[in-house]
Amino acid sequence: MTTLNDLFDQQGQSPWIDNLRRDWLEDGTMASLVAQGIRGVTSNPTIFAKAISGQDTYDKQFSSLIGSTSVEDAYWDLVVDDIQSALAILRPVYDASTGADGFVSVEVAPSLAHDTEGTTAAARALHQRIDQPNVLIKIPATPECVPSIATMISEGRSINVTLIFSITRYAEVMEAYISGLETLAASGTDDLSGVSSVASFFISRVDTEADKRIEAAVAAGADKSLLERRGKAAVAQAKLAYELFSQSFVGARWEALAAKGARVQRPLWASTSTKNPAYPDLAYVDTLIGPHTVNTMPDGTVADFLDHGTVARTVDTDLDGARSTIADLAKAGIDMEDVAGVLETEGVASFAASFDDLMKSLTAKADVLTAR
């Protein structure tokens, strides 16, 4: 037994890993991580860009595809094969948990982040292409894509909602999930247990942006005591998000869905590696432990938690302190909704840039291969 096992068995939090590489799938690394307690996998365009450009394990398949398909279609073939392999490794977790865990996430193309219909069509196509019960299609929580979430859930498709940075947007995401389930039930579906969803609330980048604003506010004349709030905004906001989650999946409306087997949409803590070296390496893991949650960690953070993680319920402790932190920031003119808006824009742009860079790299590689 490891601390990852304890995290789930004692506190009801599922540890997932935020990385996917073909060499891990082939050399037993992913299977070993699952044996140590990892219960799911997340991926994104940046992860695949690093994996595909950073190793030669994809070259043979890529070479066989070029000439008969476009570079972008070849990319999706590579990605889908990795997802299928990971799904097979995680399937025993899915089966043992009766569909509550063991998921692998794959994201729609980042260029669709502001395209409602395009996102809906792409998510539907990925679900149909992969066609496994433990796949989660990732849809960003941009204003344009929130309707896509409701549509996909109403069709009985499992979704990982990504790039959530604010409480307000998180409330919209939960509403999209619940209303989607209601539409599905109204269509005549009596068993809702086959639909799963997580809402990926990003953590560390909130502090990166909030800390910059705290320091700027103090430089502009705010009380120096505000500096004590550095490194506190992200966890404070996440705790308030968990409080909202706890308040949202109760009452007559939810109970009507739960009676048909509906599962809560679990909060997933994403971006939980520490970006500021001055902060503890598990600053965004040890502080957000609680039932019905997921923490998806990069492999380095997984290793840190295995080595010295603390297993204790923390996600709903000191809520007054969390509220005080957010209030102090607001008094200093730091608007967390504006912070979220900046981070959403940056997140979408970052994934798009990673995807574009990879397409350029693969196109150059294809040119070399076809010239031989």
Protein backbone atom coordinates (compact mmCIF):
# COMPACT_ATOMS: atom_id res chain seq x y z
CA MET A 1 0.00 0.00 0.00
CA THR A 2 1.19 3.51 -0.83
CA THR A 3 0.12 7.02 0.13
CA LEU A 4 -1.75 7.10 -3.19
CA ASN A 5 -3.79 4.10 -2.08
CA ASP A 6 -4.37 5.77 1.29
CA LEU A 7 -5.50 8.96 -0.42
CA PHE A 8 -8.37 7.09 -2.01
CA ASP A 9 -9.12 4.49 0.67
CA GLN A 10 -9.04 6.87 3.62
CA GLN A 11 -10.13 10.21 2.12
CA GLY A 12 -12.08 9.38 -1.03
CA GLN A 13 -9.83 11.39 -3.33
CA SER A 14 -8.70 9.81 -6.60
CA PRO A 15 -5.08 10.43 -7.58
CA TRP A 16 -4.67 10.70 -11.35
CA ILE A 17 -1.55 11.43 -13.35
CA ASP A 18 -1.32 14.40 -15.69
CA ASN A 19 0.93 12.87 -18.31
CA LEU A 20 0.78 10.29 -21.09
CA ARG A 21 3.70 8.98 -23.13
CA ARG A 22 3.94 6.01 -25.47
CA ASP A 23 7.15 4.71 -23.90
CA TRP A 24 5.33 4.51 -20.55
CA LEU A 25 2.59 2.47 -22.19
CA GLU A 26 5.11 0.11 -23.76
CA ASP A 27 7.70 -0.32 -20.97
CA GLY A 28 5.30 -0.90 -18.06
CA THR A 29 5.68 2.50 -16.41
CA MET A 30 1.99 3.34 -16.66
CA ALA A 31 0.97 -0.09 -15.39
CA SER A 32 3.37 0.36 -12.46
CA LEU A 33 1.85 3.74 -11.61
CA VAL A 34 -1.62 2.18 -11.60
CA ALA A 35 -0.33 -0.59 -9.33
CA GLN A 36 0.93 2.12 -6.95
CA GLY A 37 -2.49 3.73 -6.75
CA ILE A 38 -2.95 5.99 -9.79
CA ARG A 39 -6.62 5.79 -10.77
CA GLY A 40 -6.83 7.89 -13.94
CA VAL A 41 -4.90 9.76 -16.63
CA THR A 42 -5.25 13.24 -18.08
CA SER A 43 -3.65 14.56 -21.25
CA ASN A 44 -3.70 17.81 -23.20
CA PRO A 45 -2.14 19.21 -26.39
CA THR A 46 1.00 20.32 -24.55
CA ILE A 47 1.53 16.86 -23.08
CA PHE A 48 1.20 15.20 -26.48
CA ALA A 49 3.46 17.79 -28.10
CA LYS A 50 6.20 16.99 -25.59
CA ALA A 51 5.68 13.25 -25.90
CA ILE A 52 5.60 13.04 -29.70
CA SER A 53 8.43 15.49 -30.34
CA GLY A 54 10.54 14.26 -27.42
CA GLN A 55 10.95 10.57 -28.33
CA ASP A 56 11.28 8.35 -31.38
CA THR A 57 8.66 5.78 -30.34
CA TYR A 58 6.09 7.45 -32.59
CA ASP A 59 8.28 7.60 -35.71
CA LYS A 60 7.50 4.17 -37.15
CA GLN A 61 3.73 4.67 -36.99
CA PHE A 62 3.98 8.25 -38.22
CA SER A 63 6.09 7.14 -41.19
CA SER A 64 3.51 4.53 -42.13
CA LEU A 65 0.72 7.12 -42.08
CA ILE A 66 2.36 9.86 -44.13
CA GLY A 67 1.42 9.62 -47.76
CA SER A 68 -2.02 8.24 -47.08
CA THR A 69 -3.32 10.93 -44.72
CA SER A 70 -2.70 14.52 -43.67
CA VAL A 71 -0.25 15.45 -40.93
CA GLU A 72 -3.08 16.48 -38.61
CA ASP A 73 -5.01 13.26 -39.23
CA ALA A 74 -1.81 11.31 -38.57
CA TYR A 75 -1.45 13.17 -35.27
CA TRP A 76 -4.93 12.10 -34.21
CA ASP A 77 -4.12 8.50 -35.13
CA LEU A 78 -1.08 8.65 -32.83
CA VAL A 79 -3.12 10.21 -30.03
CA VAL A 80 -6.04 7.81 -30.29
CA ASP A 81 -3.72 4.80 -30.22
CA ASP A 82 -2.10 6.09 -27.01
CA ILE A 83 -5.50 6.77 -25.46
CA GLN A 84 -6.72 3.28 -26.39
CA SER A 85 -3.64 1.69 -24.79
CA ALA A 86 -4.05 3.74 -21.62
CA LEU A 87 -7.76 2.89 -21.47
CA ALA A 88 -6.90 -0.80 -21.52
CA ILE A 89 -4.45 -0.37 -18.63
CA LEU A 90 -7.01 1.59 -16.58
CA ARG A 91 -10.00 -0.60 -17.46
CA PRO A 92 -9.56 -2.90 -14.42
CA VAL A 93 -9.81 0.19 -12.18
CA TYR A 94 -12.97 1.24 -14.00
CA ASP A 95 -14.51 -2.20 -13.64
CA ALA A 96 -13.53 -2.63 -9.99
CA SER A 97 -15.01 0.78 -9.14
CA THR A 98 -18.22 0.01 -11.10
CA GLY A 99 -17.54 2.92 -13.41
CA ALA A 100 -16.57 5.50 -10.82
CA ASP A 101 -12.87 5.73 -11.72
CA GLY A 102 -10.25 4.46 -14.15
CA PHE A 103 -10.70 7.21 -16.74
CA VAL A 104 -8.39 8.53 -19.45
CA SER A 105 -8.97 12.04 -20.83
CA VAL A 106 -8.30 13.35 -24.33
CA GLU A 107 -8.92 16.93 -25.42
CA VAL A 108 -10.62 18.29 -28.53
CA ALA A 109 -8.45 20.46 -30.79
CA PRO A 110 -7.56 23.72 -29.00
CA SER A 111 -8.53 25.77 -32.07
CA LEU A 112 -12.17 24.99 -31.21
CA ALA A 113 -12.14 26.72 -27.81
CA HIS A 114 -14.45 29.49 -29.01
CA ASP A 115 -16.53 27.37 -31.39
CA THR A 116 -19.65 25.87 -29.83
CA GLU A 117 -20.76 23.75 -32.77
CA GLY A 118 -17.23 22.73 -33.71
CA THR A 119 -16.48 21.60 -30.17
CA THR A 120 -19.74 19.66 -29.94
CA ALA A 121 -19.06 17.88 -33.23
CA ALA A 122 -15.42 17.13 -32.35
CA ALA A 123 -16.30 15.77 -28.89
CA ARG A 124 -19.02 13.59 -30.36
CA ALA A 125 -16.66 12.29 -33.05
CA LEU A 126 -13.93 11.44 -30.53
CA HIS A 127 -16.42 9.59 -28.33
CA GLN A 128 -17.63 7.60 -31.31
CA ARG A 129 -14.12 6.88 -32.56
CA ILE A 130 -12.73 5.70 -29.25
CA ASP A 131 -15.98 4.12 -28.02
CA GLN A 132 -14.81 2.99 -24.59
CA PRO A 133 -16.79 3.59 -21.38
CA ASN A 134 -13.80 4.95 -19.46
CA VAL A 135 -12.83 7.70 -21.90
CA LEU A 136 -13.47 11.32 -20.95
CA ILE A 137 -13.47 13.90 -23.73
CA LYS A 138 -12.05 17.20 -22.53
CA ILE A 139 -13.98 20.35 -23.36
CA PRO A 140 -12.72 23.77 -22.22
CA ALA A 141 -14.96 25.83 -19.95
CA THR A 142 -14.97 28.85 -22.23
CA PRO A 143 -18.30 30.70 -22.52
CA GLU A 144 -18.74 29.29 -26.03
CA CYS A 145 -18.13 25.69 -24.94
CA VAL A 146 -20.33 25.53 -21.82
CA PRO A 147 -23.35 24.74 -24.05
CA SER A 148 -21.33 21.92 -25.63
CA ILE A 149 -20.92 20.37 -22.18
CA ALA A 150 -24.68 20.29 -21.63
CA THR A 151 -25.23 18.83 -25.10
CA MET A 152 -22.69 16.06 -24.65
CA ILE A 153 -24.06 15.09 -21.25
CA SER A 154 -27.59 15.07 -22.68
CA GLU A 155 -26.36 12.51 -25.22
CA GLY A 156 -24.98 10.31 -22.46
CA ARG A 157 -21.32 11.11 -23.16
CA SER A 158 -18.76 11.43 -20.37
CA ILE A 159 -16.86 14.72 -20.23
CA ASN A 160 -13.86 16.27 -18.50
CA VAL A 161 -14.44 20.02 -18.35
CA THR A 162 -11.07 21.73 -18.43
CA LEU A 163 -9.61 25.22 -17.94
CA ILE A 164 -11.85 26.35 -15.07
CA PHE A 165 -10.33 29.28 -13.19
CA SER A 166 -13.25 30.99 -11.44
CA ILE A 167 -16.09 30.21 -9.06
CA THR A 168 -18.58 31.85 -11.39
CA ARG A 169 -17.62 29.71 -14.38
CA TYR A 170 -17.53 26.62 -12.17
CA ALA A 171 -21.17 27.25 -11.20
CA GLU A 172 -22.06 27.45 -14.91
CA VAL A 173 -20.26 24.15 -15.55
CA MET A 174 -22.14 22.35 -12.79
CA GLU A 175 -25.43 23.73 -14.11
CA ALA A 176 -24.53 22.49 -17.60
CA TYR A 177 -23.88 19.01 -16.20
CA ILE A 178 -27.08 18.85 -14.16
CA SER A 179 -29.27 20.26 -16.92
CA GLY A 180 -27.66 17.87 -19.39
CA LEU A 181 -28.55 14.94 -17.15
CA GLU A 182 -32.11 16.23 -16.85
CA THR A 183 -32.40 16.35 -20.63
CA LEU A 184 -31.02 12.83 -20.87
CA ALA A 185 -33.49 11.57 -18.28
CA ALA A 186 -36.37 13.34 -20.02
CA SER A 187 -35.48 11.54 -23.25
CA GLY A 188 -36.36 8.26 -21.59
CA THR A 189 -33.02 7.15 -20.14
CA ASP A 190 -33.75 5.57 -16.76
CA ASP A 191 -30.16 4.62 -15.86
CA LEU A 192 -27.80 7.60 -15.68
CA SER A 193 -24.92 5.74 -14.06
CA GLY A 194 -23.03 5.39 -17.33
CA VAL A 195 -22.41 9.15 -17.54
CA SER A 196 -19.41 10.55 -15.69
CA SER A 197 -17.85 13.98 -15.52
CA VAL A 198 -15.13 15.87 -13.72
CA ALA A 199 -14.75 19.65 -13.54
CA SER A 200 -11.06 20.56 -13.79
CA PHE A 201 -10.38 23.57 -11.57
CA PHE A 202 -6.88 24.91 -12.22
CA ILE A 203 -4.87 25.78 -9.12
CA SER A 204 -1.21 26.84 -9.22
CA ARG A 205 -1.53 29.30 -12.10
CA VAL A 206 -4.06 31.25 -10.03
CA ASP A 207 -1.32 32.01 -7.52
CA THR A 208 1.12 32.88 -10.29
CA GLU A 209 -1.21 35.62 -11.54
CA ALA A 210 -2.57 36.68 -8.12
CA ASP A 211 0.94 36.97 -6.64
CA LYS A 212 1.98 39.33 -9.44
CA ARG A 213 -1.01 41.52 -8.68
CA ILE A 214 -0.37 41.43 -4.93
CA GLU A 215 3.21 42.61 -5.45
CA ALA A 216 2.07 45.32 -7.86
CA ALA A 217 -0.57 46.51 -5.39
CA VAL A 218 1.99 46.78 -2.58
CA ALA A 219 4.39 48.60 -4.90
CA ALA A 220 1.56 51.02 -5.66
CA GLY A 221 0.96 51.74 -1.97
CA ALA A 222 -1.18 48.92 -0.56
CA ASP A 223 -0.42 47.79 2.99
CA LYS A 224 2.59 45.47 3.06
CA SER A 225 0.58 42.96 5.08
CA LEU A 226 -1.04 42.03 1.75
CA LEU A 227 2.19 40.21 0.90
CA GLU A 228 1.17 37.58 3.44
CA ARG A 229 -1.56 36.55 0.98
CA ARG A 230 0.97 35.45 -1.63
CA GLY A 231 0.58 31.76 -2.36
CA LYS A 232 -2.84 31.69 -0.67
CA ALA A 233 -5.36 32.72 -3.33
CA ALA A 234 -5.38 29.48 -5.34
CA VAL A 235 -6.12 27.14 -2.45
CA ALA A 236 -8.59 29.60 -0.92
CA GLN A 237 -10.55 29.79 -4.16
CA ALA A 238 -10.45 26.00 -4.59
CA LYS A 239 -11.83 25.49 -1.09
CA LEU A 240 -14.69 27.84 -1.86
CA ALA A 241 -15.26 25.92 -5.09
CA TYR A 242 -15.52 22.70 -3.10
CA GLU A 243 -18.00 24.35 -0.77
CA LEU A 244 -20.10 25.28 -3.81
CA PHE A 245 -19.83 21.72 -5.09
CA SER A 246 -21.10 20.40 -1.75
CA GLN A 247 -24.06 22.77 -1.92
CA SER A 248 -24.90 22.01 -5.56
CA PHE A 249 -25.32 18.24 -5.52
CA VAL A 250 -28.03 18.11 -2.86
CA GLY A 251 -31.75 18.86 -2.72
CA ALA A 252 -34.80 17.67 -4.61
CA ARG A 253 -33.48 18.51 -8.07
CA TRP A 254 -30.32 16.47 -7.64
CA GLU A 255 -32.01 13.66 -5.72
CA ALA A 256 -34.36 13.05 -8.65
CA LEU A 257 -31.32 12.42 -10.84
CA ALA A 258 -29.45 10.44 -8.18
CA ALA A 259 -32.45 8.12 -7.92
CA LYS A 260 -31.71 7.18 -11.54
CA GLY A 261 -28.07 6.48 -10.79
CA ALA A 262 -26.58 9.89 -11.60
CA ARG A 263 -23.06 10.48 -10.33
CA VAL A 264 -21.86 13.80 -8.96
CA GLN A 265 -19.53 15.78 -11.18
CA ARG A 266 -16.34 15.56 -9.16
CA PRO A 267 -14.08 18.61 -8.77
CA LEU A 268 -10.69 17.81 -10.26
CA TRP A 269 -7.71 19.83 -9.04
CA ALA A 270 -5.47 20.47 -12.06
CA SER A 271 -2.18 22.33 -12.43
CA THR A 272 -1.10 21.12 -8.99
CA SER A 273 2.66 21.20 -9.42
CA THR A 274 4.26 24.12 -7.58
CA LYS A 275 5.36 26.85 -9.99
CA ASN A 276 7.07 29.02 -7.34
CA PRO A 277 10.09 27.22 -5.86
CA ALA A 278 9.60 29.17 -2.62
CA TYR A 279 6.41 27.20 -1.96
CA PRO A 280 6.28 23.59 -0.68
CA ASP A 281 6.33 20.98 -3.43
CA LEU A 282 2.94 19.64 -2.30
CA ALA A 283 1.34 23.02 -1.64
CA TYR A 284 -1.54 22.20 -3.98
CA VAL A 285 -1.97 18.55 -3.02
CA ASP A 286 -1.83 18.24 0.77
CA THR A 287 -4.14 21.27 1.12
CA LEU A 288 -7.00 20.03 -1.09
CA ILE A 289 -7.75 16.49 0.06
CA GLY A 290 -11.35 15.43 0.49
CA PRO A 291 -14.09 13.06 -0.67
CA HIS A 292 -15.51 13.07 -4.21
CA THR A 293 -12.47 14.88 -5.61
CA VAL A 294 -9.66 14.11 -8.03
CA ASN A 295 -6.13 15.48 -8.02
CA THR A 296 -4.31 15.04 -11.31
CA MET A 297 -0.60 15.45 -10.71
CA PRO A 298 2.42 15.60 -13.02
CA ASP A 299 4.75 12.64 -12.54
CA GLY A 300 7.18 14.66 -10.42
CA THR A 301 4.41 15.63 -8.02
CA VAL A 302 3.22 12.02 -7.90
CA ALA A 303 6.74 11.00 -6.87
CA ASP A 304 6.80 13.71 -4.20
CA PHE A 305 3.46 12.57 -2.79
CA LEU A 306 4.58 8.96 -2.72
CA ASP A 307 7.67 10.05 -0.84
CA HIS A 308 6.27 12.47 1.75
CA GLY A 309 2.61 13.25 1.12
CA THR A 310 0.28 13.75 4.08
CA VAL A 311 -3.07 11.98 3.94
CA ALA A 312 -5.63 14.06 5.85
CA ARG A 313 -8.87 15.80 4.99
CA THR A 314 -8.09 19.45 4.29
CA VAL A 315 -10.33 20.62 1.45
CA ASP A 316 -13.05 21.98 3.72
CA THR A 317 -10.96 23.20 6.66
CA ASP A 318 -10.65 26.90 7.55
CA LEU A 319 -13.26 28.16 5.10
CA ASP A 320 -13.40 31.43 7.02
CA GLY A 321 -9.72 31.89 6.31
CA ALA A 322 -10.34 31.18 2.62
CA ARG A 323 -13.09 33.79 2.50
CA SER A 324 -10.88 36.27 4.32
CA THR A 325 -8.08 35.78 1.79
CA ILE A 326 -10.36 36.45 -1.18
CA ALA A 327 -11.92 39.44 0.62
CA ASP A 328 -8.51 40.96 1.36
CA LEU A 329 -7.52 40.63 -2.28
CA ALA A 330 -10.75 42.31 -3.37
CA LYS A 331 -10.15 45.20 -0.96
CA ALA A 332 -6.77 45.69 -2.60
CA GLY A 333 -8.42 45.85 -6.01
CA ILE A 334 -7.47 42.32 -7.06
CA ASP A 335 -10.50 40.92 -8.88
CA MET A 336 -10.38 37.11 -8.98
CA GLU A 337 -12.81 37.06 -11.91
CA ASP A 338 -10.38 39.20 -13.88
CA VAL A 339 -7.54 36.91 -12.82
CA ALA A 340 -9.58 34.00 -14.16
CA GLY A 341 -10.23 35.76 -17.45
CA VAL A 342 -6.54 36.35 -18.03
CA LEU A 343 -5.66 32.77 -17.17
CA GLU A 344 -8.38 31.35 -19.42
CA THR A 345 -7.08 33.38 -22.35
CA GLU A 346 -3.51 32.32 -21.62
CA GLY A 347 -4.50 28.67 -21.19
CA VAL A 348 -6.33 28.49 -24.50
CA ALA A 349 -3.47 30.27 -26.27
CA SER A 350 -0.86 27.99 -24.68
CA PHE A 351 -2.59 24.80 -25.80
CA ALA A 352 -3.12 26.23 -29.28
CA ALA A 353 0.54 27.21 -29.54
CA SER A 354 1.66 23.74 -28.46
CA PHE A 355 -0.61 22.18 -31.06
CA ASP A 356 0.59 24.53 -33.81
CA ASP A 357 4.25 23.96 -32.94
CA LEU A 358 3.74 20.21 -33.05
CA MET A 359 1.99 20.41 -36.43
CA LYS A 360 4.96 22.37 -37.79
CA SER A 361 7.39 19.82 -36.36
CA LEU A 362 5.45 16.88 -37.77
CA THR A 363 5.10 18.60 -41.15
CA ALA A 364 8.86 19.09 -41.32
CA LYS A 365 9.38 15.46 -40.38
CA ALA A 366 6.86 14.36 -43.02
CA ASP A 367 8.69 16.40 -45.66
CA VAL A 368 11.95 14.61 -44.82
CA LEU A 369 10.31 11.18 -44.88
CA THR A 370 8.54 11.71 -48.19
CA ALA A 371 11.72 13.06 -49.80
CA ARG A 372 13.56 9.81 -49.16
